[in-house]
Amino acid sequence: MDYRQVFDKTLREFQITAKSLSEASGVQERQISHFRNGKELMTETFFKVVEAMPTEAKKYFYTQLRGNSYSNTLESLIEDASDEEIESAMLAIARKWKSRNIDTLCLKGAEILKTSLS
């Protein structure tokens, strides 16, 4: 699949319109529509449009372009995450664990410790 096909597939997959991309990128809607219909875009303009896509759509686009399958599993999201995103995720996990019943966690922790020591 060439980059134009991947671009079009990404827009369809994430229900992104030329209008919304135009507003986000500053590239005229007409240029985006023409590109989707076979006309060329300058490289700088094309990357401006791609960079204006929502993060998940951008990841999908680049993954498809490389010919890899797109995975939205927790593990793949963590591997692709920035340091700031990982920090946010770790804080969310900590809050989740803290909100659980502390007695249950202590019992589980004791069981894990006992198993690892024996």
Foldseek 3Di string as FASTA:
>chain_A
DALLVLVVVLCVVVVPALVQLCVQQVPDSVVVVVSNVPDDDPPVSVVSSLVSDPPLSNQSSVCVNVVHDDDPDPVVCVVPDDPVVVVVVVVVVVVVVVPDDVVVVVVVVVVVVVVVVD
